[in-house]
Amino acid sequence: MAEFTLELNDDQKQVRDWIHGFAADVMRPAAAEWDEREETPWPVIQEAAKLGIYSLDFYAQQFFDPTGLGIPMAMEELFWGDAGIGLSIAGTGLAAVGVLANGTEEQIGTWIPQMYGDASDVKVAAFCSSEPDAGSDVSAMRTRAVYDEAKDEWVLNGTKTWATNGGIANVHVVVALVDPELGSKGHASFIVPPATEGLSQGQKFKKHGIRASHTAEVVLENVRVPGHCLLGGKEKLDERLARARERARKGGER
């Protein structure tokens, strides 16, 4: 086993210097303006996309860096440039990782490219889990997803909060309860495609810092998504819920 080290190799240093140059030349000069405007810095994100920094390929390369230093190194340089703009660039990764962790190969190939768009038409994505009365406690979540078997659709209702890119995203990834009796074991994640009816932005939060990053509530009112938008698929979900119910049943036996 190779000895662990925080020293960067030559390839990593080259990538670090490339990102540092972007942070110094593009992000820092723009930071004060976008912080004051409290708006998503679309021109800066587009410039990052043109250079290849804001892209699925770039984050995949860093994520699969065998040393484990790729993502921390990239984030350190971007956030040195500016925390608000850095989060605007990195925030889509939260939703992308949610799909990578739970989605099928088809879902990964379909939705993650739509989260980023391309250099001529950049997009962002949002990961929606936290709630006003639950924070990040999944066991206290109230957002519900109910399956309409006749239409093979899931119906989502609830409110998410503190969502980076919430309401302005091209693709939203929403965590919802499908079996409230199972608590934190009874949830699932769903893709909400672009322009889906019933999803709207609630209040946009005014913050003391990191203001170039959009943070808002996401309101779901009878949002209907196709069955194939359940990450991992229904068969996998049903199997997981059955195991959770069996463990709960055995735990309740005396």
Foldseek 3Di string as FASTA:
>chain_A
DDDADPDDDPVLVVVLVVLLCLLVPPLQVCPVVLLVVLAAPVVSLLVCQVVPNQAPVQVVVQPVPVNVCSVVSNLVSNVVSPVLNSCSSCVLVVVLVVLVVFADPVSNVPPSCLQAPGSVDGFHEKEFQAAPVQGNQQLPDDWAWEADVVQQKIWTFDKTFFIWCAFRGQKYKYKHAHDNVLRSLRIFIFIQHGPFPQKHWDDWDDDPGSSNTTTTMIGGDRGIDHQSRTGNGDVVNVVSVVVSVVVVVVVPDD
